[in-house]
Amino acid sequence: MSYLTEFFKIVSDETRLRIVILLAQGDLYVCQISGILNLSQPKVSKHLSKLRDLNYVVDERKEKYILYSLNLKDDVIKKLVQNIAENIEHYPVLSEDRKHLADKQIHLSQCKTKLPG
């Protein structure tokens, strides 16, 4: 139960909730998340660090970039996140994030150089 309580506590911050829902749709680099959310990379990195410290996301270095992915081990939390992601039209901010995610120009423009792979 403490895992669930801790999860709700961490995603009570809107930015972290937005990041979790974005990552539920696929792995992203910090520069991409920054572009989608229209937030500075240091601010996004700070939120990702909190999520990583609690093991909700994992990171993998690809050249000089860091790729983030969700690491939800609890089935209840996975289903909650999946349910939100599938019903995103009920959440205007999250719905807008999904539109930005689909627009490659917006989030790739935040990356200073070409991404690996």
Protein backbone atom coordinates (compact mmCIF):
# COMPACT_ATOMS: atom_id res chain seq x y z
CA MET A 1 0.00 0.00 0.00
CA SER A 2 2.86 2.41 0.69
CA TYR A 3 3.98 2.06 -2.95
CA LEU A 4 0.55 3.24 -4.08
CA THR A 5 0.46 6.09 -1.55
CA GLU A 6 3.94 7.21 -2.59
CA PHE A 7 2.91 7.13 -6.25
CA PHE A 8 -0.10 9.38 -5.65
CA LYS A 9 2.08 11.72 -3.64
CA ILE A 10 4.68 12.03 -6.42
CA VAL A 11 2.12 12.55 -9.23
CA SER A 12 0.13 15.08 -7.22
CA ASP A 13 2.53 17.51 -8.88
CA GLU A 14 1.05 18.33 -12.30
CA THR A 15 4.39 18.35 -14.10
CA ARG A 16 5.32 14.89 -12.83
CA LEU A 17 1.88 13.56 -13.74
CA ARG A 18 2.29 14.97 -17.25
CA ILE A 19 5.72 13.33 -17.54
CA VAL A 20 4.38 9.95 -16.40
CA ILE A 21 1.52 10.08 -18.91
CA LEU A 22 3.91 11.09 -21.71
CA LEU A 23 6.25 8.23 -20.87
CA ALA A 24 3.28 5.84 -20.80
CA GLN A 25 3.06 6.53 -24.53
CA GLY A 26 6.74 5.76 -25.18
CA ASP A 27 10.32 6.47 -24.20
CA LEU A 28 11.52 10.06 -24.55
CA TYR A 29 14.68 12.12 -24.18
CA VAL A 30 14.67 14.96 -21.65
CA CYS A 31 14.94 17.52 -24.46
CA GLN A 32 11.80 16.06 -26.04
CA ILE A 33 9.87 16.18 -22.76
CA SER A 34 11.05 19.75 -22.24
CA GLY A 35 9.75 20.75 -25.67
CA ILE A 36 6.40 19.02 -25.24
CA LEU A 37 5.77 20.54 -21.80
CA ASN A 38 7.28 23.89 -22.76
CA LEU A 39 9.48 23.83 -19.65
CA SER A 40 13.22 24.31 -19.24
CA GLN A 41 15.40 21.21 -19.39
CA PRO A 42 16.74 21.79 -15.84
CA LYS A 43 13.18 21.92 -14.49
CA VAL A 44 12.18 18.75 -16.35
CA SER A 45 15.40 17.03 -15.22
CA LYS A 46 14.59 17.87 -11.60
CA HIS A 47 11.17 16.23 -11.90
CA LEU A 48 12.62 13.21 -13.71
CA SER A 49 15.20 12.87 -10.95
CA LYS A 50 12.46 12.63 -8.33
CA LEU A 51 10.63 10.02 -10.39
CA ARG A 52 13.88 8.10 -10.91
CA ASP A 53 14.79 8.24 -7.21
CA LEU A 54 11.52 6.45 -6.44
CA ASN A 55 12.11 4.00 -9.29
CA TYR A 56 9.08 5.10 -11.35
CA VAL A 57 11.30 5.88 -14.33
CA VAL A 58 14.60 4.50 -15.52
CA ASP A 59 17.15 6.19 -17.69
CA GLU A 60 19.60 4.98 -20.29
CA ARG A 61 22.46 7.03 -21.67
CA LYS A 62 22.57 7.18 -25.46
CA GLU A 63 25.68 9.10 -26.45
CA LYS A 64 25.31 12.44 -24.64
CA TYR A 65 21.52 12.15 -24.23
CA ILE A 66 19.49 10.35 -21.61
CA LEU A 67 16.45 8.33 -22.66
CA TYR A 68 13.72 7.93 -20.05
CA SER A 69 11.14 5.16 -19.75
CA LEU A 70 8.47 4.22 -17.25
CA ASN A 71 9.32 1.57 -14.69
CA LEU A 72 5.97 0.85 -13.05
CA LYS A 73 6.12 -2.51 -11.31
CA ASP A 74 2.81 -2.38 -9.47
CA ASP A 75 -0.09 -3.68 -11.60
CA VAL A 76 -2.61 -1.32 -9.99
CA ILE A 77 -0.47 1.72 -10.80
CA LYS A 78 0.14 0.45 -14.34
CA LYS A 79 -3.61 0.13 -14.89
CA LEU A 80 -4.28 3.59 -13.43
CA VAL A 81 -1.72 5.22 -15.70
CA GLN A 82 -2.95 3.23 -18.69
CA ASN A 83 -6.56 4.24 -17.96
CA ILE A 84 -5.62 7.93 -17.81
CA ALA A 85 -3.57 7.65 -21.00
CA GLU A 86 -6.45 5.91 -22.80
CA ASN A 87 -9.00 8.52 -21.66
CA ILE A 88 -6.82 11.55 -22.15
CA GLU A 89 -9.55 13.56 -23.87
CA HIS A 90 -11.06 14.14 -20.41
CA TYR A 91 -7.91 15.98 -19.30
CA PRO A 92 -7.26 19.11 -21.41
CA VAL A 93 -3.62 19.63 -20.38
CA LEU A 94 -2.74 15.98 -20.97
CA SER A 95 -4.64 16.01 -24.25
CA GLU A 96 -2.63 19.03 -25.37
CA ASP A 97 0.60 17.24 -24.40
CA ARG A 98 -0.40 14.31 -26.61
CA LYS A 99 -0.93 16.69 -29.54
CA HIS A 100 2.56 18.13 -28.98
CA LEU A 101 3.98 14.62 -28.75
CA ALA A 102 2.53 13.85 -32.17
CA ASP A 103 4.12 16.97 -33.64
CA LYS A 104 7.74 15.98 -34.15
CA GLN A 105 8.76 19.56 -34.98
CA ILE A 106 7.84 20.88 -31.55
CA HIS A 107 9.70 18.44 -29.35
CA LEU A 108 12.69 17.74 -31.59
CA SER A 109 13.35 21.47 -31.91
CA GLN A 110 14.27 21.49 -28.21
CA CYS A 111 17.20 19.15 -28.85
CA LYS A 112 20.39 21.06 -29.62
CA THR A 113 21.80 18.42 -31.95
CA LYS A 114 20.58 15.32 -33.74
CA LEU A 115 19.36 12.57 -31.44
CA PRO A 116 20.99 9.13 -31.59
CA GLY A 117 19.28 6.22 -33.31
